[in-house]
Protein backbone atom coordinates (compact mmCIF):
# COMPACT_ATOMS: atom_id res chain seq x y z
CA MET A 1 98.43 93.34 124.81
CA ASP A 2 99.28 90.39 122.48
CA LEU A 3 101.99 91.75 120.28
CA ILE A 4 102.38 88.31 117.78
CA GLU A 5 98.42 88.54 117.48
CA MET A 6 98.45 91.89 116.25
CA ALA A 7 101.32 91.55 113.91
CA LYS A 8 99.22 88.28 112.35
CA LYS A 9 95.68 90.63 111.99
CA SER A 10 98.03 93.35 110.83
CA GLY A 11 98.79 90.93 107.95
CA MET A 12 102.59 89.81 108.87
CA GLN A 13 103.75 86.32 108.97
CA VAL A 14 105.08 84.59 112.00
CA LEU A 15 108.17 82.99 110.82
CA LEU A 16 109.48 81.73 114.24
CA ASP A 17 107.54 80.97 117.39
CA ALA A 18 109.78 79.07 119.64
CA GLN A 19 110.88 78.86 123.27
CA ILE A 20 114.37 77.83 124.60
CA GLY A 21 114.51 77.19 128.10
CA SER A 22 112.60 80.24 129.73
CA GLN A 23 113.18 82.54 126.69
CA MET A 24 110.55 82.96 124.21
CA TYR A 25 111.49 84.01 120.59
CA HIS A 26 109.43 85.27 117.86
CA SER A 27 110.40 86.71 114.43
CA VAL A 28 107.63 88.19 112.08
CA CYS A 29 107.95 89.62 108.61
CA GLY A 30 105.59 91.30 105.87
CA PRO A 31 105.55 94.60 103.68
CA LEU A 32 105.60 97.83 104.95
CA SER A 33 101.86 98.36 104.88
CA SER A 34 101.51 95.44 107.21
CA LEU A 35 104.22 97.18 109.45
CA GLN A 36 102.12 100.58 109.31
CA ARG A 37 99.19 98.63 110.28
CA PHE A 38 100.88 97.15 112.78
CA ALA A 39 102.09 100.29 114.53
CA ASP A 40 98.58 102.12 114.18
CA GLU A 41 97.08 99.15 116.25
CA VAL A 42 99.76 99.32 118.89
CA GLY A 43 99.24 103.13 119.20
CA LYS A 44 95.51 102.69 119.42
CA ALA A 45 96.14 99.83 122.09
CA LEU A 46 98.29 102.36 124.28
CA ALA A 47 95.84 104.99 124.02
CA ALA A 48 93.27 102.69 124.91
CA GLU A 49 95.24 101.49 128.02
CA ALA A 50 96.21 104.93 128.93
CA ALA A 51 92.43 106.08 128.94
CA ALA A 52 91.38 103.18 130.94
CA ARG A 53 94.14 104.18 133.83
CA ILE A 54 92.81 107.86 133.56
CA ALA A 55 89.27 106.65 133.79
CA ASP A 56 90.12 104.32 136.89
CA ALA A 57 92.26 107.10 138.62
CA ALA A 58 89.03 109.69 138.23
CA THR A 59 86.75 107.17 139.85
CA GLU A 60 89.54 106.32 142.68
CA THR A 61 89.18 109.99 144.14
């Protein structure tokens, strides 16, 4: 799950996208409506991942 890409697609703006040593730094901002769209997309992605794990487990048994 690429959170930065999901934030961009939700209408948020990436202010900082940098790396210092091995540490990555990202900063985004946007209106509350963008944050809500982002949260909805994260929830959908997590549900899809859980459904895929359940389906994989069912086929293994």
